[in-house]
Amino acid sequence: MVFPRVPLVLGSASPARLATLQRAGVAPYVLVSHVDEESVVTEAVSRFGELAPADVALVLSRAKCETVTTLLAGDARPQDAPPNTLVLGCDSVLEIDSEVHGKPTDEAEAISRWKGMRGTSGVLHTAHWLIDDRDPEDGGTGATMGAVASTIVHFAKVSDEEIARYVASGEPLQVAGAFTIDGLGGPFISGIEGDHHNVVGLSLPLLREMLGEVNVSWFDLCS
């Protein structure tokens, strides 16, 4: 297998995040962390107190990234995983009226949420955590860093029937905030303020800035 000059491991099961990177010329190796998100947040709250919505995403992105980095260093490391990598973990949450909204637990919750947010606006926070796991002789810095990108999302005044049919598609149950901008939910988003890619689940401009902090250019990730 041929790897780019600087391989990237994506610690996320999100097809949208993978597709976003691939469309930008990056083909990451995907290794899902399978962290218990509820436990991670509960532990963080017990240590630091109540978390702001953006901090919830940041705590989860860090947990995912660190778990994947540990997997790469242990006996369970996949045989086809690239060596000397950067590891990226991401998590997204929707903030409305200072409350955090992740994936809805069922259709009833998704319907209720959409009825509450139609005609309003929210902030989609996507946290990124990057660990430079490369060897020093290969330019590794050992850096670990996190950053959050936030985009304002304006929701259309959709009808009860539109909500019911959208939720019945199953898509809202799979994503943070119960909506997509690049899928079936696109017609129900009337506008955004900020980075479009961030709403999909990964801010390319922010990732590029983070790469610069470890002396890696965007094209170093491209095959």
N, C-alpha and C. Protein backbone atom coordinates (compact mmCIF):
# COMPACT_ATOMS: atom_id res chain seq x y z
N MET A 1 0.84 -1.19 0.00
CA MET A 1 0.00 0.00 0.00
C MET A 1 0.89 1.25 0.00
N VAL A 2 0.53 2.23 -0.82
CA VAL A 2 1.29 3.47 -0.91
C VAL A 2 0.62 4.51 -0.02
N PHE A 3 1.40 5.07 0.92
CA PHE A 3 0.89 6.08 1.82
C PHE A 3 1.41 7.45 1.40
N PRO A 4 0.70 8.52 1.75
CA PRO A 4 1.21 9.86 1.49
C PRO A 4 2.43 10.15 2.35
N ARG A 5 3.07 11.28 2.12
CA ARG A 5 4.28 11.61 2.89
C ARG A 5 3.99 11.64 4.38
N VAL A 6 2.83 12.19 4.74
CA VAL A 6 2.39 12.19 6.13
C VAL A 6 1.01 11.53 6.19
N PRO A 7 0.92 10.28 6.62
CA PRO A 7 -0.37 9.60 6.69
C PRO A 7 -1.25 10.20 7.78
N LEU A 8 -2.56 10.21 7.52
CA LEU A 8 -3.53 10.69 8.49
C LEU A 8 -4.46 9.54 8.87
N VAL A 9 -4.63 9.33 10.18
CA VAL A 9 -5.59 8.36 10.68
C VAL A 9 -6.80 9.13 11.19
N LEU A 10 -7.96 8.80 10.66
CA LEU A 10 -9.20 9.45 11.06
C LEU A 10 -9.92 8.56 12.07
N GLY A 11 -10.06 9.05 13.30
CA GLY A 11 -10.73 8.27 14.33
C GLY A 11 -12.21 8.56 14.37
N SER A 12 -12.90 8.29 13.30
CA SER A 12 -14.33 8.59 13.20
C SER A 12 -15.01 7.61 12.27
N ALA A 13 -16.23 7.23 12.63
CA ALA A 13 -17.02 6.34 11.78
C ALA A 13 -17.89 7.11 10.80
N SER A 14 -17.81 8.44 10.81
CA SER A 14 -18.68 9.27 9.99
C SER A 14 -18.34 9.18 8.50
N PRO A 15 -19.26 8.69 7.67
CA PRO A 15 -19.01 8.69 6.22
C PRO A 15 -18.87 10.10 5.67
N ALA A 16 -19.57 11.06 6.29
CA ALA A 16 -19.50 12.45 5.80
C ALA A 16 -18.12 13.05 6.03
N ARG A 17 -17.52 12.76 7.17
CA ARG A 17 -16.17 13.28 7.43
C ARG A 17 -15.16 12.65 6.47
N LEU A 18 -15.29 11.34 6.26
CA LEU A 18 -14.39 10.67 5.33
C LEU A 18 -14.54 11.24 3.93
N ALA A 19 -15.77 11.42 3.48
CA ALA A 19 -16.02 11.95 2.14
C ALA A 19 -15.50 13.38 1.99
N THR A 20 -15.62 14.18 3.05
CA THR A 20 -15.12 15.56 3.01
C THR A 20 -13.62 15.58 2.77
N LEU A 21 -12.90 14.73 3.48
CA LEU A 21 -11.46 14.65 3.28
C LEU A 21 -11.11 14.11 1.90
N GLN A 22 -11.82 13.09 1.47
CA GLN A 22 -11.52 12.49 0.17
C GLN A 22 -11.74 13.48 -0.97
N ARG A 23 -12.79 14.27 -0.88
CA ARG A 23 -13.06 15.27 -1.92
C ARG A 23 -11.99 16.35 -1.95
N ALA A 24 -11.30 16.53 -0.82
CA ALA A 24 -10.23 17.53 -0.75
C ALA A 24 -8.86 16.91 -1.05
N GLY A 25 -8.86 15.65 -1.50
CA GLY A 25 -7.61 15.02 -1.93
C GLY A 25 -6.90 14.20 -0.89
N VAL A 26 -7.53 14.00 0.28
CA VAL A 26 -6.90 13.25 1.37
C VAL A 26 -7.64 11.93 1.56
N ALA A 27 -6.91 10.83 1.56
CA ALA A 27 -7.51 9.51 1.76
C ALA A 27 -6.99 8.96 3.09
N PRO A 28 -7.64 9.28 4.21
CA PRO A 28 -7.14 8.85 5.51
C PRO A 28 -7.38 7.37 5.75
N TYR A 29 -6.62 6.84 6.68
CA TYR A 29 -6.87 5.49 7.19
C TYR A 29 -7.89 5.66 8.31
N VAL A 30 -8.97 4.90 8.27
CA VAL A 30 -10.04 5.05 9.26
C VAL A 30 -9.90 3.97 10.34
N LEU A 31 -9.87 4.43 11.58
CA LEU A 31 -9.83 3.53 12.73
C LEU A 31 -10.78 4.10 13.78
N VAL A 32 -11.89 3.45 13.99
CA VAL A 32 -12.93 3.97 14.87
C VAL A 32 -12.60 3.67 16.33
N SER A 33 -12.84 4.64 17.19
CA SER A 33 -12.45 4.52 18.60
C SER A 33 -13.43 3.72 19.43
N HIS A 34 -14.72 3.83 19.13
CA HIS A 34 -15.78 3.18 19.89
C HIS A 34 -15.77 3.59 21.37
N VAL A 35 -15.48 4.85 21.65
CA VAL A 35 -15.51 5.31 23.03
C VAL A 35 -16.96 5.41 23.52
N ASP A 36 -17.15 5.25 24.81
CA ASP A 36 -18.45 5.42 25.44
C ASP A 36 -18.63 6.92 25.69
N GLU A 37 -19.33 7.58 24.78
CA GLU A 37 -19.42 9.04 24.84
C GLU A 37 -20.08 9.52 26.13
N GLU A 38 -21.12 8.85 26.56
CA GLU A 38 -21.82 9.28 27.77
C GLU A 38 -20.90 9.21 28.98
N SER A 39 -20.11 8.15 29.07
CA SER A 39 -19.19 8.02 30.19
C SER A 39 -18.10 9.08 30.16
N VAL A 40 -17.62 9.38 28.97
CA VAL A 40 -16.57 10.40 28.83
C VAL A 40 -17.08 11.75 29.31
N VAL A 41 -18.27 12.12 28.89
CA VAL A 41 -18.83 13.42 29.28
C VAL A 41 -19.13 13.43 30.78
N THR A 42 -19.68 12.34 31.30
CA THR A 42 -19.99 12.27 32.73
C THR A 42 -18.72 12.44 33.57
N GLU A 43 -17.65 11.80 33.17
CA GLU A 43 -16.38 11.92 33.90
C GLU A 43 -15.85 13.35 33.83
N ALA A 44 -15.95 13.97 32.66
CA ALA A 44 -15.46 15.34 32.50
C ALA A 44 -16.26 16.31 33.36
N VAL A 45 -17.56 16.12 33.42
CA VAL A 45 -18.40 16.99 34.24
C VAL A 45 -18.07 16.82 35.72
N SER A 46 -17.79 15.59 36.13
CA SER A 46 -17.44 15.34 37.53
C SER A 46 -16.13 16.01 37.90
N ARG A 47 -15.24 16.16 36.93
CA ARG A 47 -13.92 16.77 37.20
C ARG A 47 -13.95 18.28 37.08
N PHE A 48 -14.66 18.78 36.06
CA PHE A 48 -14.57 20.21 35.74
C PHE A 48 -15.87 20.99 35.96
N GLY A 49 -16.97 20.30 36.27
CA GLY A 49 -18.25 20.98 36.37
C GLY A 49 -18.95 21.00 35.03
N GLU A 50 -20.06 21.70 34.97
CA GLU A 50 -20.84 21.75 33.73
C GLU A 50 -20.00 22.28 32.57
N LEU A 51 -20.15 21.64 31.42
CA LEU A 51 -19.38 22.00 30.23
C LEU A 51 -20.21 22.83 29.27
N ALA A 52 -19.58 23.82 28.65
CA ALA A 52 -20.22 24.54 27.56
C ALA A 52 -20.37 23.59 26.38
N PRO A 53 -21.36 23.82 25.51
CA PRO A 53 -21.57 22.91 24.37
C PRO A 53 -20.31 22.65 23.55
N ALA A 54 -19.54 23.69 23.26
CA ALA A 54 -18.32 23.49 22.47
C ALA A 54 -17.32 22.62 23.22
N ASP A 55 -17.30 22.73 24.55
CA ASP A 55 -16.37 21.93 25.34
C ASP A 55 -16.79 20.47 25.39
N VAL A 56 -18.09 20.20 25.32
CA VAL A 56 -18.56 18.82 25.24
C VAL A 56 -17.96 18.15 24.00
N ALA A 57 -18.05 18.85 22.87
CA ALA A 57 -17.49 18.32 21.63
C ALA A 57 -15.98 18.14 21.73
N LEU A 58 -15.32 19.09 22.38
CA LEU A 58 -13.86 19.03 22.48
C LEU A 58 -13.42 17.85 23.35
N VAL A 59 -14.10 17.64 24.46
CA VAL A 59 -13.79 16.51 25.33
C VAL A 59 -13.94 15.18 24.58
N LEU A 60 -15.01 15.07 23.80
CA LEU A 60 -15.24 13.83 23.07
C LEU A 60 -14.24 13.63 21.94
N SER A 61 -13.89 14.70 21.24
CA SER A 61 -12.92 14.56 20.15
C SER A 61 -11.56 14.14 20.69
N ARG A 62 -11.21 14.69 21.87
CA ARG A 62 -9.92 14.30 22.48
C ARG A 62 -9.94 12.83 22.89
N ALA A 63 -11.04 12.39 23.50
CA ALA A 63 -11.13 10.99 23.92
C ALA A 63 -11.01 10.04 22.73
N LYS A 64 -11.67 10.38 21.64
CA LYS A 64 -11.60 9.55 20.44
C LYS A 64 -10.18 9.50 19.89
N CYS A 65 -9.55 10.66 19.82
CA CYS A 65 -8.20 10.74 19.25
C CYS A 65 -7.20 9.98 20.11
N GLU A 66 -7.27 10.15 21.42
CA GLU A 66 -6.33 9.47 22.31
C GLU A 66 -6.55 7.97 22.31
N THR A 67 -7.81 7.54 22.22
CA THR A 67 -8.09 6.10 22.18
C THR A 67 -7.51 5.46 20.92
N VAL A 68 -7.68 6.13 19.79
CA VAL A 68 -7.14 5.61 18.53
C VAL A 68 -5.62 5.59 18.56
N THR A 69 -5.01 6.63 19.12
CA THR A 69 -3.55 6.67 19.22
C THR A 69 -3.04 5.51 20.08
N THR A 70 -3.76 5.20 21.15
CA THR A 70 -3.39 4.07 21.99
C THR A 70 -3.52 2.74 21.25
N LEU A 71 -4.59 2.60 20.46
CA LEU A 71 -4.78 1.39 19.66
C LEU A 71 -3.62 1.20 18.68
N LEU A 72 -3.17 2.28 18.09
CA LEU A 72 -2.09 2.20 17.11
C LEU A 72 -0.77 1.78 17.75
N ALA A 73 -0.64 2.04 19.06
CA ALA A 73 0.60 1.71 19.76
C ALA A 73 0.57 0.35 20.44
N GLY A 74 -0.59 -0.31 20.45
CA GLY A 74 -0.74 -1.55 21.19
C GLY A 74 -0.76 -2.80 20.33
N ASP A 75 -1.02 -3.92 20.97
CA ASP A 75 -1.05 -5.21 20.28
C ASP A 75 -2.23 -5.32 19.33
N ALA A 76 -3.27 -4.50 19.54
CA ALA A 76 -4.45 -4.55 18.69
C ALA A 76 -4.32 -3.67 17.44
N ARG A 77 -3.13 -3.14 17.21
CA ARG A 77 -2.90 -2.29 16.05
C ARG A 77 -3.19 -3.07 14.76
N PRO A 78 -4.06 -2.55 13.87
CA PRO A 78 -4.32 -3.25 12.60
C PRO A 78 -3.05 -3.39 11.77
N GLN A 79 -2.89 -4.54 11.14
CA GLN A 79 -1.68 -4.80 10.38
C GLN A 79 -1.50 -3.85 9.20
N ASP A 80 -2.63 -3.36 8.67
CA ASP A 80 -2.52 -2.48 7.50
C ASP A 80 -2.48 -1.01 7.86
N ALA A 81 -2.39 -0.68 9.13
CA ALA A 81 -2.35 0.72 9.55
C ALA A 81 -1.02 1.35 9.14
N PRO A 82 -1.02 2.58 8.68
CA PRO A 82 0.22 3.23 8.26
C PRO A 82 1.08 3.59 9.47
N PRO A 83 2.39 3.66 9.29
CA PRO A 83 3.29 4.07 10.38
C PRO A 83 3.44 5.59 10.42
N ASN A 84 3.93 6.09 11.53
CA ASN A 84 4.29 7.52 11.65
C ASN A 84 3.17 8.44 11.19
N THR A 85 2.09 8.43 11.94
CA THR A 85 0.89 9.11 11.49
C THR A 85 0.54 10.34 12.32
N LEU A 86 -0.33 11.15 11.75
CA LEU A 86 -1.11 12.11 12.50
C LEU A 86 -2.46 11.45 12.77
N VAL A 87 -3.01 11.67 13.96
CA VAL A 87 -4.29 11.09 14.32
C VAL A 87 -5.28 12.22 14.57
N LEU A 88 -6.46 12.11 13.96
CA LEU A 88 -7.48 13.14 14.08
C LEU A 88 -8.76 12.56 14.64
N GLY A 89 -9.26 13.16 15.71
CA GLY A 89 -10.57 12.81 16.25
C GLY A 89 -11.50 14.00 16.15
N CYS A 90 -12.76 13.75 15.85
CA CYS A 90 -13.74 14.83 15.69
C CYS A 90 -15.04 14.49 16.40
N ASP A 91 -15.75 15.54 16.82
CA ASP A 91 -17.09 15.36 17.36
C ASP A 91 -17.88 16.64 17.12
N SER A 92 -19.17 16.47 16.84
CA SER A 92 -20.03 17.62 16.56
C SER A 92 -21.24 17.62 17.49
N VAL A 93 -21.63 18.81 17.93
CA VAL A 93 -22.85 18.98 18.70
C VAL A 93 -23.57 20.22 18.20
N LEU A 94 -24.87 20.22 18.33
CA LEU A 94 -25.68 21.39 17.98
C LEU A 94 -26.09 22.09 19.26
N GLU A 95 -25.85 23.39 19.30
CA GLU A 95 -26.24 24.20 20.45
C GLU A 95 -27.45 25.06 20.09
N ILE A 96 -28.52 24.92 20.86
CA ILE A 96 -29.69 25.78 20.72
C ILE A 96 -30.08 26.24 22.13
N ASP A 97 -30.12 27.55 22.31
CA ASP A 97 -30.45 28.12 23.62
C ASP A 97 -29.58 27.55 24.72
N SER A 98 -28.28 27.45 24.43
CA SER A 98 -27.27 27.00 25.39
C SER A 98 -27.38 25.52 25.75
N GLU A 99 -28.24 24.77 25.07
CA GLU A 99 -28.37 23.34 25.34
C GLU A 99 -27.68 22.53 24.25
N VAL A 100 -27.13 21.38 24.66
CA VAL A 100 -26.41 20.51 23.74
C VAL A 100 -27.35 19.49 23.13
N HIS A 101 -27.24 19.32 21.81
CA HIS A 101 -28.04 18.31 21.11
C HIS A 101 -27.12 17.45 20.26
N GLY A 102 -27.04 16.17 20.61
CA GLY A 102 -26.29 15.22 19.80
C GLY A 102 -27.24 14.46 18.91
N LYS A 103 -27.00 13.16 18.76
CA LYS A 103 -27.91 12.35 17.96
C LYS A 103 -29.19 12.09 18.77
N PRO A 104 -30.37 12.21 18.16
CA PRO A 104 -31.60 11.86 18.89
C PRO A 104 -31.64 10.36 19.15
N THR A 105 -32.29 9.99 20.25
CA THR A 105 -32.32 8.58 20.63
C THR A 105 -33.35 7.79 19.84
N ASP A 106 -34.40 8.45 19.37
CA ASP A 106 -35.44 7.75 18.62
C ASP A 106 -36.22 8.74 17.76
N GLU A 107 -37.18 8.24 16.99
CA GLU A 107 -37.93 9.09 16.08
C GLU A 107 -38.74 10.15 16.83
N ALA A 108 -39.29 9.79 17.97
CA ALA A 108 -40.10 10.74 18.74
C ALA A 108 -39.25 11.94 19.16
N GLU A 109 -38.03 11.68 19.60
CA GLU A 109 -37.15 12.78 19.99
C GLU A 109 -36.76 13.62 18.79
N ALA A 110 -36.50 12.98 17.65
CA ALA A 110 -36.13 13.71 16.44
C ALA A 110 -37.27 14.62 15.98
N ILE A 111 -38.49 14.12 16.03
CA ILE A 111 -39.64 14.92 15.63
C ILE A 111 -39.81 16.11 16.57
N SER A 112 -39.72 15.85 17.87
CA SER A 112 -39.86 16.91 18.85
C SER A 112 -38.79 17.98 18.67
N ARG A 113 -37.56 17.53 18.41
CA ARG A 113 -36.47 18.48 18.24
C ARG A 113 -36.69 19.36 17.02
N TRP A 114 -37.10 18.75 15.91
CA TRP A 114 -37.33 19.52 14.69
C TRP A 114 -38.48 20.51 14.87
N LYS A 115 -39.51 20.14 15.59
CA LYS A 115 -40.61 21.06 15.83
C LYS A 115 -40.15 22.25 16.67
N GLY A 116 -39.16 22.00 17.52
CA GLY A 116 -38.66 23.08 18.34
C GLY A 116 -37.67 23.99 17.64
N MET A 117 -36.94 23.46 16.65
CA MET A 117 -35.90 24.28 16.03
C MET A 117 -36.29 24.84 14.65
N ARG A 118 -37.42 24.42 14.10
CA ARG A 118 -37.82 24.99 12.80
C ARG A 118 -38.06 26.50 12.94
N GLY A 119 -37.58 27.22 11.96
CA GLY A 119 -37.73 28.66 11.98
C GLY A 119 -36.79 29.37 12.93
N THR A 120 -35.88 28.63 13.55
CA THR A 120 -34.93 29.24 14.48
C THR A 120 -33.51 29.01 13.96
N SER A 121 -32.54 29.37 14.81
CA SER A 121 -31.14 29.17 14.46
C SER A 121 -30.41 28.47 15.59
N GLY A 122 -29.37 27.74 15.24
CA GLY A 122 -28.52 27.08 16.22
C GLY A 122 -27.07 27.22 15.82
N VAL A 123 -26.18 26.74 16.66
CA VAL A 123 -24.75 26.78 16.37
C VAL A 123 -24.22 25.36 16.35
N LEU A 124 -23.65 24.97 15.23
CA LEU A 124 -23.07 23.64 15.11
C LEU A 124 -21.57 23.74 15.44
N HIS A 125 -21.20 23.11 16.54
CA HIS A 125 -19.79 23.09 16.97
C HIS A 125 -19.16 21.77 16.54
N THR A 126 -18.05 21.84 15.84
CA THR A 126 -17.28 20.64 15.53
C THR A 126 -15.90 20.79 16.14
N ALA A 127 -15.58 19.89 17.04
CA ALA A 127 -14.27 19.89 17.70
C ALA A 127 -13.32 18.97 16.95
N HIS A 128 -12.08 19.38 16.89
CA HIS A 128 -11.02 18.62 16.23
C HIS A 128 -9.88 18.42 17.23
N TRP A 129 -9.43 17.19 17.37
CA TRP A 129 -8.27 16.93 18.22
C TRP A 129 -7.22 16.21 17.37
N LEU A 130 -6.00 16.75 17.38
CA LEU A 130 -4.93 16.24 16.53
C LEU A 130 -3.74 15.83 17.39
N ILE A 131 -3.25 14.63 17.17
CA ILE A 131 -2.05 14.14 17.84
C ILE A 131 -1.00 13.80 16.79
N ASP A 132 0.19 14.36 16.96
CA ASP A 132 1.31 14.06 16.07
C ASP A 132 2.03 12.85 16.63
N ASP A 133 1.74 11.69 16.06
CA ASP A 133 2.29 10.42 16.54
C ASP A 133 3.47 9.95 15.70
N ARG A 134 4.05 10.86 14.94
CA ARG A 134 5.20 10.50 14.11
C ARG A 134 6.47 10.41 14.94
N ASP A 135 7.44 9.63 14.46
CA ASP A 135 8.74 9.57 15.10
C ASP A 135 9.47 10.90 14.93
N PRO A 136 10.27 11.31 15.91
CA PRO A 136 11.00 12.58 15.78
C PRO A 136 11.87 12.65 14.54
N GLU A 137 12.48 11.53 14.17
CA GLU A 137 13.36 11.55 12.98
C GLU A 137 12.56 11.73 11.69
N ASP A 138 11.25 11.54 11.78
CA ASP A 138 10.38 11.76 10.62
C ASP A 138 9.62 13.09 10.71
N GLY A 139 10.09 13.94 11.59
CA GLY A 139 9.48 15.26 11.72
C GLY A 139 8.44 15.37 12.81
N GLY A 140 8.25 14.29 13.58
CA GLY A 140 7.23 14.30 14.62
C GLY A 140 7.53 15.30 15.71
N THR A 141 6.50 15.96 16.19
CA THR A 141 6.65 16.96 17.24
C THR A 141 6.12 16.48 18.59
N GLY A 142 5.33 15.39 18.57
CA GLY A 142 4.70 14.92 19.79
C GLY A 142 3.56 15.79 20.25
N ALA A 143 3.15 16.73 19.41
CA ALA A 143 2.11 17.69 19.78
C ALA A 143 0.75 17.02 19.93
N THR A 144 -0.05 17.53 20.83
CA THR A 144 -1.45 17.16 20.96
C THR A 144 -2.23 18.44 21.16
N MET A 145 -3.24 18.66 20.35
CA MET A 145 -3.93 19.95 20.37
C MET A 145 -5.39 19.80 19.94
N GLY A 146 -6.20 20.72 20.42
CA GLY A 146 -7.61 20.71 20.05
C GLY A 146 -8.09 22.10 19.67
N ALA A 147 -9.10 22.14 18.84
CA ALA A 147 -9.71 23.40 18.42
C ALA A 147 -11.14 23.13 17.98
N VAL A 148 -11.96 24.16 18.08
CA VAL A 148 -13.37 24.03 17.74
C VAL A 148 -13.74 25.06 16.68
N ALA A 149 -14.46 24.62 15.66
CA ALA A 149 -15.04 25.53 14.67
C ALA A 149 -16.55 25.57 14.89
N SER A 150 -17.14 26.75 14.79
CA SER A 150 -18.57 26.92 15.05
C SER A 150 -19.24 27.63 13.89
N THR A 151 -20.36 27.09 13.46
CA THR A 151 -21.10 27.64 12.33
C THR A 151 -22.56 27.84 12.73
N ILE A 152 -23.09 29.02 12.44
CA ILE A 152 -24.50 29.29 12.72
C ILE A 152 -25.35 28.66 11.61
N VAL A 153 -26.38 27.93 12.02
CA VAL A 153 -27.26 27.25 11.08
C VAL A 153 -28.68 27.79 11.24
N HIS A 154 -29.29 28.21 10.13
CA HIS A 154 -30.66 28.71 10.15
C HIS A 154 -31.59 27.63 9.58
N PHE A 155 -32.58 27.25 10.37
CA PHE A 155 -33.51 26.19 9.98
C PHE A 155 -34.77 26.77 9.36
N ALA A 156 -35.23 26.14 8.28
CA ALA A 156 -36.42 26.61 7.58
C ALA A 156 -37.68 26.32 8.40
N LYS A 157 -38.76 27.00 8.05
CA LYS A 157 -40.04 26.79 8.72
C LYS A 157 -40.76 25.62 8.05
N VAL A 158 -40.30 24.44 8.39
CA VAL A 158 -40.83 23.23 7.76
C VAL A 158 -42.15 22.83 8.42
N SER A 159 -42.98 22.11 7.66
CA SER A 159 -44.29 21.68 8.16
C SER A 159 -44.17 20.40 8.98
N ASP A 160 -45.24 20.08 9.71
CA ASP A 160 -45.26 18.83 10.47
C ASP A 160 -45.09 17.62 9.55
N GLU A 161 -45.72 17.69 8.36
CA GLU A 161 -45.61 16.58 7.42
C GLU A 161 -44.18 16.42 6.93
N GLU A 162 -43.52 17.53 6.63
CA GLU A 162 -42.13 17.46 6.17
C GLU A 162 -41.24 16.88 7.27
N ILE A 163 -41.47 17.28 8.49
CA ILE A 163 -40.69 16.74 9.61
C ILE A 163 -40.90 15.24 9.73
N ALA A 164 -42.16 14.82 9.69
CA ALA A 164 -42.47 13.40 9.84
C ALA A 164 -41.82 12.56 8.74
N ARG A 165 -41.87 13.05 7.52
CA ARG A 165 -41.30 12.28 6.41
C ARG A 165 -39.78 12.28 6.45
N TYR A 166 -39.22 13.40 6.87
CA TYR A 166 -37.76 13.45 6.98
C TYR A 166 -37.27 12.50 8.07
N VAL A 167 -37.92 12.52 9.21
CA VAL A 167 -37.51 11.64 10.30
C VAL A 167 -37.71 10.18 9.90
N ALA A 168 -38.78 9.88 9.16
CA ALA A 168 -39.04 8.51 8.72
C ALA A 168 -37.94 7.99 7.79
N SER A 169 -37.19 8.89 7.17
CA SER A 169 -36.08 8.46 6.30
C SER A 169 -34.96 7.81 7.10
N GLY A 170 -34.91 8.11 8.40
CA GLY A 170 -33.88 7.54 9.25
C GLY A 170 -32.63 8.39 9.36
N GLU A 171 -32.46 9.33 8.45
CA GLU A 171 -31.23 10.13 8.46
C GLU A 171 -31.04 10.94 9.74
N PRO A 172 -32.06 11.60 10.26
CA PRO A 172 -31.86 12.43 11.45
C PRO A 172 -31.38 11.66 12.67
N LEU A 173 -31.63 10.36 12.71
CA LEU A 173 -31.22 9.55 13.85
C LEU A 173 -29.73 9.22 13.83
N GLN A 174 -29.07 9.51 12.72
CA GLN A 174 -27.68 9.11 12.55
C GLN A 174 -26.69 10.23 12.76
N VAL A 175 -27.18 11.47 12.95
CA VAL A 175 -26.27 12.62 12.95
C VAL A 175 -26.55 13.56 14.11
N ALA A 176 -25.50 14.27 14.53
CA ALA A 176 -25.64 15.25 15.59
C ALA A 176 -26.57 16.37 15.15
N GLY A 177 -27.48 16.74 16.04
CA GLY A 177 -28.42 17.81 15.70
C GLY A 177 -29.63 17.36 14.94
N ALA A 178 -29.66 16.10 14.52
CA ALA A 178 -30.79 15.52 13.78
C ALA A 178 -30.98 16.11 12.39
N PHE A 179 -29.88 16.55 11.77
CA PHE A 179 -30.00 17.09 10.42
C PHE A 179 -28.67 16.95 9.68
N THR A 180 -28.75 17.00 8.37
CA THR A 180 -27.56 17.12 7.53
C THR A 180 -27.75 18.33 6.62
N ILE A 181 -26.64 18.83 6.12
CA ILE A 181 -26.72 19.89 5.12
C ILE A 181 -26.34 19.35 3.75
N ASP A 182 -25.71 18.17 3.74
CA ASP A 182 -25.23 17.58 2.49
C ASP A 182 -26.03 16.35 2.09
N GLY A 183 -27.18 16.15 2.75
CA GLY A 183 -27.99 14.98 2.45
C GLY A 183 -29.45 15.34 2.33
N LEU A 184 -30.31 14.49 2.86
CA LEU A 184 -31.75 14.70 2.74
C LEU A 184 -32.23 15.93 3.50
N GLY A 185 -31.46 16.38 4.48
CA GLY A 185 -31.86 17.55 5.26
C GLY A 185 -31.53 18.87 4.60
N GLY A 186 -30.79 18.84 3.51
CA GLY A 186 -30.37 20.07 2.85
C GLY A 186 -31.49 21.06 2.54
N PRO A 187 -32.65 20.60 2.03
CA PRO A 187 -33.73 21.54 1.71
C PRO A 187 -34.32 22.25 2.92
N PHE A 188 -34.02 21.77 4.11
CA PHE A 188 -34.60 22.33 5.32
C PHE A 188 -33.65 23.26 6.06
N ILE A 189 -32.51 23.54 5.44
CA ILE A 189 -31.55 24.50 5.99
C ILE A 189 -31.60 25.75 5.13
N SER A 190 -32.07 26.84 5.70
CA SER A 190 -32.27 28.06 4.89
C SER A 190 -31.02 28.89 4.73
N GLY A 191 -30.00 28.63 5.54
CA GLY A 191 -28.75 29.37 5.39
C GLY A 191 -27.79 29.04 6.52
N ILE A 192 -26.53 29.40 6.33
CA ILE A 192 -25.52 29.22 7.37
C ILE A 192 -24.65 30.46 7.42
N GLU A 193 -23.96 30.63 8.52
CA GLU A 193 -22.95 31.68 8.68
C GLU A 193 -21.69 31.02 9.18
N GLY A 194 -20.71 30.85 8.29
CA GLY A 194 -19.48 30.17 8.66
C GLY A 194 -19.10 29.10 7.65
N ASP A 195 -18.28 28.17 8.09
CA ASP A 195 -17.73 27.13 7.22
C ASP A 195 -18.76 26.04 6.95
N HIS A 196 -19.06 25.86 5.67
CA HIS A 196 -20.00 24.80 5.25
C HIS A 196 -19.50 23.43 5.67
N HIS A 197 -18.21 23.15 5.46
CA HIS A 197 -17.67 21.83 5.77
C HIS A 197 -17.81 21.51 7.25
N ASN A 198 -17.75 22.54 8.08
CA ASN A 198 -17.87 22.31 9.52
C ASN A 198 -19.23 21.72 9.87
N VAL A 199 -20.27 22.13 9.15
CA VAL A 199 -21.61 21.60 9.39
C VAL A 199 -21.67 20.13 8.96
N VAL A 200 -20.92 19.78 7.95
CA VAL A 200 -20.86 18.38 7.51
C VAL A 200 -20.16 17.52 8.56
N GLY A 201 -19.22 18.14 9.30
CA GLY A 201 -18.58 17.40 10.38
C GLY A 201 -17.08 17.55 10.51
N LEU A 202 -16.46 18.34 9.61
CA LEU A 202 -15.02 18.52 9.68
C LEU A 202 -14.66 19.81 8.96
N SER A 203 -14.04 20.74 9.67
CA SER A 203 -13.66 22.02 9.07
C SER A 203 -12.30 21.90 8.39
N LEU A 204 -12.29 21.91 7.08
CA LEU A 204 -11.04 21.81 6.34
C LEU A 204 -10.11 23.00 6.61
N PRO A 205 -10.62 24.24 6.64
CA PRO A 205 -9.71 25.36 6.94
C PRO A 205 -9.08 25.26 8.33
N LEU A 206 -9.86 24.84 9.32
CA LEU A 206 -9.30 24.70 10.66
C LEU A 206 -8.28 23.58 10.71
N LEU A 207 -8.56 22.47 10.06
CA LEU A 207 -7.59 21.37 10.04
C LEU A 207 -6.30 21.82 9.39
N ARG A 208 -6.39 22.58 8.32
CA ARG A 208 -5.18 23.09 7.65
C ARG A 208 -4.35 23.94 8.61
N GLU A 209 -5.02 24.79 9.40
CA GLU A 209 -4.30 25.61 10.37
C GLU A 209 -3.62 24.75 11.43
N MET A 210 -4.31 23.72 11.88
CA MET A 210 -3.73 22.84 12.89
C MET A 210 -2.52 22.08 12.34
N LEU A 211 -2.59 21.67 11.09
CA LEU A 211 -1.45 21.01 10.46
C LEU A 211 -0.24 21.92 10.43
N GLY A 212 -0.48 23.20 10.19
CA GLY A 212 0.63 24.16 10.17
C GLY A 212 1.35 24.23 11.49
N GLU A 213 0.64 23.97 12.59
CA GLU A 213 1.25 24.00 13.92
C GLU A 213 2.27 22.88 14.12
N VAL A 214 2.16 21.82 13.32
CA VAL A 214 3.12 20.71 13.42
C VAL A 214 3.96 20.62 12.14
N ASN A 215 4.02 21.73 11.42
CA ASN A 215 4.88 21.86 10.23
C ASN A 215 4.53 20.86 9.13
N VAL A 216 3.25 20.65 8.96
CA VAL A 216 2.76 19.77 7.90
C VAL A 216 1.88 20.59 6.96
N SER A 217 2.15 20.52 5.67
CA SER A 217 1.31 21.23 4.70
C SER A 217 0.12 20.35 4.30
N TRP A 218 -0.90 20.98 3.76
CA TRP A 218 -2.07 20.20 3.34
C TRP A 218 -1.69 19.13 2.34
N PHE A 219 -0.83 19.48 1.41
CA PHE A 219 -0.50 18.53 0.34
C PHE A 219 0.42 17.40 0.81
N ASP A 220 0.99 17.54 2.03
CA ASP A 220 1.72 16.41 2.60
C ASP A 220 0.79 15.23 2.90
N LEU A 221 -0.51 15.53 3.07
CA LEU A 221 -1.48 14.48 3.37
C LEU A 221 -2.03 13.80 2.11
N CYS A 222 -1.79 14.41 0.97
CA CYS A 222 -2.37 13.91 -0.28
C CYS A 222 -1.46 12.86 -0.90
N SER A 223 -2.08 11.79 -1.39
CA SER A 223 -1.32 10.71 -2.01
C SER A 223 -0.77 11.15 -3.37
